[in-house]
């Protein structure tokens, strides 16, 4: 058993791990003697005929662990651990009160879910339904989620209402092969939009 967890003032760090390996990494780090925190939440997954609820990590790809950063090698060599989050190669601790706030919310049974910070104009991909595979612009209008579909040649667009569970953010619009166009919705207001294409 490693002694990092017994240092007088070890800090908490976010450990970046392979996708869907969070539980396994947490178990191994706990066996090594580290205090770990892997917050979970109930995720709704929309299927064609039903909605399934499963327990999944609140922060996909991350496990929080408390240790003395001077002796971080045992953490880094743990299977499926990719890195310790920080500034370049320098790990940066997470204020314990931030994690404690999440613990309190979960312990009181409050509804908790990831907030992916999708903003107006962000590029997203549809993951389910008849538009699965389509990439486009995410908008909120009158409290509802919409996907903007554009025809570049005539400079016009339409907005399709979608369930938020059916789209996921795309890291960069440059990866999607989308062409920039101009959106002129009813009312004459202008905004940016993209021409949507099926990914192959």
C-alpha atoms as a PDB file:
ATOM      1  CA  UNK A   1       0.000   0.000   0.000  1.00  0.00           C
ATOM      2  CA  UNK A   2       1.332   3.423  -0.931  1.00  0.00           C
ATOM      3  CA  UNK A   3       1.539   6.068   1.740  1.00  0.00           C
ATOM      4  CA  UNK A   4       0.400   9.134  -0.229  1.00  0.00           C
ATOM      5  CA  UNK A   5      -3.004   9.087   1.410  1.00  0.00           C
ATOM      6  CA  UNK A   6      -1.332   9.456   4.828  1.00  0.00           C
ATOM      7  CA  UNK A   7       0.528  12.682   4.069  1.00  0.00           C
ATOM      8  CA  UNK A   8      -0.683  15.427   6.425  1.00  0.00           C
ATOM      9  CA  UNK A   9      -2.018  17.689   3.687  1.00  0.00           C
ATOM     10  CA  UNK A  10      -2.397  15.843   0.380  1.00  0.00           C
ATOM     11  CA  UNK A  11      -4.412  17.673  -2.248  1.00  0.00           C
ATOM     12  CA  UNK A  12      -7.143  16.491  -4.568  1.00  0.00           C
ATOM     13  CA  UNK A  13      -6.410  16.100  -8.278  1.00  0.00           C
ATOM     14  CA  UNK A  14      -8.410  15.179 -11.359  1.00  0.00           C
ATOM     15  CA  UNK A  15      -7.007  12.019 -12.907  1.00  0.00           C
ATOM     16  CA  UNK A  16      -7.752  11.702 -16.613  1.00  0.00           C
ATOM     17  CA  UNK A  17      -8.564   8.084 -17.468  1.00  0.00           C
ATOM     18  CA  UNK A  18      -9.638   6.082 -20.496  1.00  0.00           C
ATOM     19  CA  UNK A  19     -13.303   6.345 -21.390  1.00  0.00           C
ATOM     20  CA  UNK A  20     -15.540   3.890 -19.519  1.00  0.00           C
ATOM     21  CA  UNK A  21     -12.659   2.829 -17.264  1.00  0.00           C
ATOM     22  CA  UNK A  22     -13.476   5.186 -14.402  1.00  0.00           C
ATOM     23  CA  UNK A  23     -14.777   2.532 -12.006  1.00  0.00           C
ATOM     24  CA  UNK A  24     -11.827   0.220 -12.595  1.00  0.00           C
ATOM     25  CA  UNK A  25      -9.281   2.989 -12.039  1.00  0.00           C
ATOM     26  CA  UNK A  26     -11.058   4.098  -8.874  1.00  0.00           C
ATOM     27  CA  UNK A  27     -10.948   0.540  -7.519  1.00  0.00           C
ATOM     28  CA  UNK A  28      -7.230   0.141  -8.237  1.00  0.00           C
ATOM     29  CA  UNK A  29      -6.309   3.512  -6.726  1.00  0.00           C
ATOM     30  CA  UNK A  30      -8.362   2.689  -3.640  1.00  0.00           C
ATOM     31  CA  UNK A  31      -6.471  -0.601  -3.310  1.00  0.00           C
ATOM     32  CA  UNK A  32      -3.227   1.390  -3.404  1.00  0.00           C
ATOM     33  CA  UNK A  33      -4.416   3.414  -0.434  1.00  0.00           C
ATOM     34  CA  UNK A  34      -5.633   6.621  -2.076  1.00  0.00           C
ATOM     35  CA  UNK A  35      -8.830   8.419  -1.222  1.00  0.00           C
ATOM     36  CA  UNK A  36     -10.931   8.617  -4.370  1.00  0.00           C
ATOM     37  CA  UNK A  37     -14.123  10.306  -5.454  1.00  0.00           C
ATOM     38  CA  UNK A  38     -16.130   9.133  -8.457  1.00  0.00           C
ATOM     39  CA  UNK A  39     -19.477  10.935  -8.455  1.00  0.00           C
ATOM     40  CA  UNK A  40     -22.258   9.099 -10.314  1.00  0.00           C
ATOM     41  CA  UNK A  41     -25.643  10.178 -11.622  1.00  0.00           C
ATOM     42  CA  UNK A  42     -28.705   8.636 -13.257  1.00  0.00           C
ATOM     43  CA  UNK A  43     -28.487   9.100 -17.018  1.00  0.00           C
ATOM     44  CA  UNK A  44     -31.511   8.852 -19.282  1.00  0.00           C
ATOM     45  CA  UNK A  45     -30.789   7.265 -22.660  1.00  0.00           C
ATOM     46  CA  UNK A  46     -33.456   7.644 -25.326  1.00  0.00           C
ATOM     47  CA  UNK A  47     -34.195   4.566 -27.429  1.00  0.00           C
ATOM     48  CA  UNK A  48     -36.730   4.259 -30.222  1.00  0.00           C
ATOM     49  CA  UNK A  49     -39.300   2.633 -27.937  1.00  0.00           C
ATOM     50  CA  UNK A  50     -38.235   3.554 -24.410  1.00  0.00           C
ATOM     51  CA  UNK A  51     -35.998   5.591 -22.134  1.00  0.00           C
ATOM     52  CA  UNK A  52     -33.380   3.646 -20.146  1.00  0.00           C
ATOM     53  CA  UNK A  53     -31.818   4.945 -16.914  1.00  0.00           C
ATOM     54  CA  UNK A  54     -28.309   3.901 -15.869  1.00  0.00           C
ATOM     55  CA  UNK A  55     -25.730   5.031 -13.310  1.00  0.00           C
ATOM     56  CA  UNK A  56     -22.735   6.622 -15.039  1.00  0.00           C
ATOM     57  CA  UNK A  57     -19.850   8.901 -13.967  1.00  0.00           C
ATOM     58  CA  UNK A  58     -20.822  12.528 -13.572  1.00  0.00           C
ATOM     59  CA  UNK A  59     -17.491  13.538 -15.134  1.00  0.00           C
ATOM     60  CA  UNK A  60     -16.834  11.119 -17.968  1.00  0.00           C
ATOM     61  CA  UNK A  61     -13.146  10.268 -18.242  1.00  0.00           C
ATOM     62  CA  UNK A  62     -12.132  11.555 -14.800  1.00  0.00           C
ATOM     63  CA  UNK A  63     -11.560  10.179 -11.315  1.00  0.00           C
ATOM     64  CA  UNK A  64     -10.690  12.457  -8.396  1.00  0.00           C
ATOM     65  CA  UNK A  65      -7.947  11.263  -6.068  1.00  0.00           C
ATOM     66  CA  UNK A  66      -6.148  12.702  -3.047  1.00  0.00           C
ATOM     67  CA  UNK A  67      -2.372  12.319  -2.887  1.00  0.00           C
ATOM     68  CA  UNK A  68       0.975  14.050  -2.453  1.00  0.00           C
ATOM     69  CA  UNK A  69       1.844  15.228  -5.959  1.00  0.00           C
ATOM     70  CA  UNK A  70       5.561  14.757  -5.257  1.00  0.00           C
ATOM     71  CA  UNK A  71       4.950  11.011  -5.305  1.00  0.00           C
ATOM     72  CA  UNK A  72       2.495  10.761  -8.178  1.00  0.00           C
ATOM     73  CA  UNK A  73       4.210   8.000 -10.160  1.00  0.00           C
ATOM     74  CA  UNK A  74       2.091   5.183  -8.627  1.00  0.00           C
ATOM     75  CA  UNK A  75      -0.989   7.051  -9.886  1.00  0.00           C
ATOM     76  CA  UNK A  76       0.404   7.597 -13.370  1.00  0.00           C
ATOM     77  CA  UNK A  77       1.388   3.949 -13.865  1.00  0.00           C
ATOM     78  CA  UNK A  78      -2.074   2.709 -12.911  1.00  0.00           C
ATOM     79  CA  UNK A  79      -3.657   0.916 -15.906  1.00  0.00           C
ATOM     80  CA  UNK A  80      -5.944   3.169 -17.973  1.00  0.00           C
ATOM     81  CA  UNK A  81      -4.659   6.365 -16.343  1.00  0.00           C
ATOM     82  CA  UNK A  82      -3.688   8.896 -19.016  1.00  0.00           C
ATOM     83  CA  UNK A  83      -2.550  11.900 -17.012  1.00  0.00           C
ATOM     84  CA  UNK A  84      -3.120  14.140 -14.037  1.00  0.00           C
ATOM     85  CA  UNK A  85      -4.903  17.308 -15.067  1.00  0.00           C
ATOM     86  CA  UNK A  86      -2.848  20.450 -14.740  1.00  0.00           C
ATOM     87  CA  UNK A  87      -1.042  23.247 -16.474  1.00  0.00           C
ATOM     88  CA  UNK A  88       1.088  21.469 -19.039  1.00  0.00           C
ATOM     89  CA  UNK A  89       3.027  18.818 -17.114  1.00  0.00           C
ATOM     90  CA  UNK A  90       2.427  20.484 -13.756  1.00  0.00           C
ATOM     91  CA  UNK A  91      -0.583  18.983 -11.907  1.00  0.00           C
ATOM     92  CA  UNK A  92      -2.972  21.567 -10.502  1.00  0.00           C
ATOM     93  CA  UNK A  93      -4.955  20.704  -7.332  1.00  0.00           C
ATOM     94  CA  UNK A  94      -8.720  21.041  -7.124  1.00  0.00           C
ATOM     95  CA  UNK A  95     -10.120  22.982  -4.143  1.00  0.00           C
ATOM     96  CA  UNK A  96     -11.634  20.414  -1.812  1.00  0.00           C
ATOM     97  CA  UNK A  97     -14.691  22.607  -1.243  1.00  0.00           C
ATOM     98  CA  UNK A  98     -15.604  22.228  -4.916  1.00  0.00           C
ATOM     99  CA  UNK A  99     -15.738  18.458  -4.604  1.00  0.00           C
ATOM    100  CA  UNK A 100     -17.480  18.704  -1.232  1.00  0.00           C
ATOM    101  CA  UNK A 101     -20.282  20.736  -2.797  1.00  0.00           C
ATOM    102  CA  UNK A 102     -20.899  17.911  -5.278  1.00  0.00           C
ATOM    103  CA  UNK A 103     -20.781  15.317  -2.486  1.00  0.00           C
ATOM    104  CA  UNK A 104     -23.412  17.225  -0.508  1.00  0.00           C
ATOM    105  CA  UNK A 105     -25.727  17.550  -3.492  1.00  0.00           C
ATOM    106  CA  UNK A 106     -25.463  13.822  -4.231  1.00  0.00           C
ATOM    107  CA  UNK A 107     -25.850  12.761  -0.590  1.00  0.00           C
ATOM    108  CA  UNK A 108     -29.112  14.697  -0.315  1.00  0.00           C
ATOM    109  CA  UNK A 109     -30.526  13.056  -3.408  1.00  0.00           C
ATOM    110  CA  UNK A 110     -30.745  16.273  -5.387  1.00  0.00           C
ATOM    111  CA  UNK A 111     -31.135  15.864  -9.168  1.00  0.00           C
ATOM    112  CA  UNK A 112     -27.612  16.177 -10.567  1.00  0.00           C
ATOM    113  CA  UNK A 113     -26.486  15.860 -14.171  1.00  0.00           C
ATOM    114  CA  UNK A 114     -23.511  17.001 -16.271  1.00  0.00           C
ATOM    115  CA  UNK A 115     -23.656  20.510 -17.625  1.00  0.00           C
ATOM    116  CA  UNK A 116     -21.770  20.435 -20.905  1.00  0.00           C
ATOM    117  CA  UNK A 117     -21.968  24.183 -21.415  1.00  0.00           C
ATOM    118  CA  UNK A 118     -23.549  23.969 -24.847  1.00  0.00           C
ATOM    119  CA  UNK A 119     -23.954  27.525 -26.058  1.00  0.00           C
ATOM    120  CA  UNK A 120     -25.828  29.223 -28.838  1.00  0.00           C
ATOM    121  CA  UNK A 121     -24.075  28.541 -32.121  1.00  0.00           C
ATOM    122  CA  UNK A 122     -22.042  25.532 -30.952  1.00  0.00           C
ATOM    123  CA  UNK A 123     -21.613  22.703 -33.442  1.00  0.00           C
ATOM    124  CA  UNK A 124     -23.270  19.437 -32.400  1.00  0.00           C
ATOM    125  CA  UNK A 125     -23.874  15.983 -33.827  1.00  0.00           C
ATOM    126  CA  UNK A 126     -27.218  14.170 -33.706  1.00  0.00           C
ATOM    127  CA  UNK A 127     -26.697  10.729 -32.157  1.00  0.00           C
ATOM    128  CA  UNK A 128     -30.174   9.195 -32.352  1.00  0.00           C
ATOM    129  CA  UNK A 129     -33.309   9.293 -34.463  1.00  0.00           C
ATOM    130  CA  UNK A 130     -33.836   9.925 -38.173  1.00  0.00           C
ATOM    131  CA  UNK A 131     -31.212  12.712 -38.203  1.00  0.00           C
ATOM    132  CA  UNK A 132     -28.499  10.556 -36.595  1.00  0.00           C
ATOM    133  CA  UNK A 133     -25.098  11.479 -38.013  1.00  0.00           C
ATOM    134  CA  UNK A 134     -26.096  14.993 -39.018  1.00  0.00           C
ATOM    135  CA  UNK A 135     -23.916  17.788 -37.657  1.00  0.00           C
ATOM    136  CA  UNK A 136     -25.167  21.289 -37.197  1.00  0.00           C
ATOM    137  CA  UNK A 137     -25.779  24.373 -35.144  1.00  0.00           C
ATOM    138  CA  UNK A 138     -27.279  24.118 -31.662  1.00  0.00           C
ATOM    139  CA  UNK A 139     -29.844  26.735 -30.665  1.00  0.00           C
ATOM    140  CA  UNK A 140     -32.311  27.253 -27.843  1.00  0.00           C
ATOM    141  CA  UNK A 141     -35.590  28.981 -28.622  1.00  0.00           C
ATOM    142  CA  UNK A 142     -38.445  29.488 -26.164  1.00  0.00           C
ATOM    143  CA  UNK A 143     -36.839  26.992 -23.807  1.00  0.00           C
ATOM    144  CA  UNK A 144     -36.551  24.226 -26.407  1.00  0.00           C
ATOM    145  CA  UNK A 145     -33.539  22.738 -28.204  1.00  0.00           C
ATOM    146  CA  UNK A 146     -33.325  23.122 -31.959  1.00  0.00           C
ATOM    147  CA  UNK A 147     -31.006  22.149 -34.797  1.00  0.00           C
ATOM    148  CA  UNK A 148     -30.653  24.618 -37.659  1.00  0.00           C
ATOM    149  CA  UNK A 149     -30.676  23.168 -41.202  1.00  0.00           C
ATOM    150  CA  UNK A 150     -29.470  25.508 -43.950  1.00  0.00           C
ATOM    151  CA  UNK A 151     -29.528  25.679 -47.732  1.00  0.00           C
ATOM    152  CA  UNK A 152     -26.522  27.754 -48.623  1.00  0.00           C
ATOM    153  CA  UNK A 153     -27.445  28.471 -52.233  1.00  0.00           C
ATOM    154  CA  UNK A 154     -30.625  30.367 -51.349  1.00  0.00           C
ATOM    155  CA  UNK A 155     -29.311  31.611 -48.011  1.00  0.00           C
ATOM    156  CA  UNK A 156     -32.201  30.256 -45.946  1.00  0.00           C
ATOM    157  CA  UNK A 157     -32.516  28.000 -42.915  1.00  0.00           C
ATOM    158  CA  UNK A 158     -35.043  26.043 -40.881  1.00  0.00           C
ATOM    159  CA  UNK A 159     -34.954  24.982 -37.222  1.00  0.00           C
ATOM    160  CA  UNK A 160     -35.815  21.407 -36.219  1.00  0.00           C
ATOM    161  CA  UNK A 161     -36.849  20.732 -32.624  1.00  0.00           C
ATOM    162  CA  UNK A 162     -34.895  17.884 -31.015  1.00  0.00           C
ATOM    163  CA  UNK A 163     -34.553  16.222 -27.624  1.00  0.00           C
ATOM    164  CA  UNK A 164     -31.374  17.450 -25.918  1.00  0.00           C
ATOM    165  CA  UNK A 165     -30.495  13.799 -25.220  1.00  0.00           C
ATOM    166  CA  UNK A 166     -30.138  13.210 -28.954  1.00  0.00           C
ATOM    167  CA  UNK A 167     -27.213  15.557 -29.585  1.00  0.00           C
ATOM    168  CA  UNK A 168     -23.605  15.738 -28.432  1.00  0.00           C
ATOM    169  CA  UNK A 169     -21.094  18.592 -28.702  1.00  0.00           C
ATOM    170  CA  UNK A 170     -18.341  18.469 -31.295  1.00  0.00           C
ATOM    171  CA  UNK A 171     -14.934  19.696 -30.160  1.00  0.00           C
ATOM    172  CA  UNK A 172     -14.235  21.742 -33.259  1.00  0.00           C
ATOM    173  CA  UNK A 173     -16.287  22.835 -36.238  1.00  0.00           C
ATOM    174  CA  UNK A 174     -13.177  22.488 -38.382  1.00  0.00           C
ATOM    175  CA  UNK A 175     -13.330  18.706 -37.921  1.00  0.00           C
ATOM    176  CA  UNK A 176     -16.856  18.448 -39.223  1.00  0.00           C
ATOM    177  CA  UNK A 177     -16.376  19.670 -42.771  1.00  0.00           C
ATOM    178  CA  UNK A 178     -19.210  22.180 -42.472  1.00  0.00           C
ATOM    179  CA  UNK A 179     -19.479  25.255 -44.666  1.00  0.00           C
ATOM    180  CA  UNK A 180     -20.297  28.567 -43.049  1.00  0.00           C
ATOM    181  CA  UNK A 181     -23.440  30.304 -44.290  1.00  0.00           C
ATOM    182  CA  UNK A 182     -25.739  33.093 -43.176  1.00  0.00           C
ATOM    183  CA  UNK A 183     -28.917  32.487 -41.257  1.00  0.00           C
ATOM    184  CA  UNK A 184     -31.809  34.888 -41.881  1.00  0.00           C
ATOM    185  CA  UNK A 185     -34.700  33.675 -39.704  1.00  0.00           C
ATOM    186  CA  UNK A 186     -38.187  35.111 -39.848  1.00  0.00           C
ATOM    187  CA  UNK A 187     -38.050  38.564 -38.350  1.00  0.00           C
ATOM    188  CA  UNK A 188     -34.968  39.683 -40.213  1.00  0.00           C
ATOM    189  CA  UNK A 189     -32.399  39.024 -37.463  1.00  0.00           C
ATOM    190  CA  UNK A 190     -29.103  37.669 -38.736  1.00  0.00           C
ATOM    191  CA  UNK A 191     -26.844  35.100 -37.088  1.00  0.00           C
ATOM    192  CA  UNK A 192     -24.217  32.578 -38.095  1.00  0.00           C
ATOM    193  CA  UNK A 193     -25.168  29.066 -39.171  1.00  0.00           C
ATOM    194  CA  UNK A 194     -23.729  26.067 -40.970  1.00  0.00           C
ATOM    195  CA  UNK A 195     -24.737  23.946 -43.932  1.00  0.00           C
ATOM    196  CA  UNK A 196     -25.409  20.472 -42.565  1.00  0.00           C
ATOM    197  CA  UNK A 197     -24.060  17.383 -44.245  1.00  0.00           C
ATOM    198  CA  UNK A 198     -24.339  13.703 -43.497  1.00  0.00           C
ATOM    199  CA  UNK A 199     -21.035  12.326 -42.215  1.00  0.00           C
ATOM    200  CA  UNK A 200     -19.661   9.395 -44.160  1.00  0.00           C
END
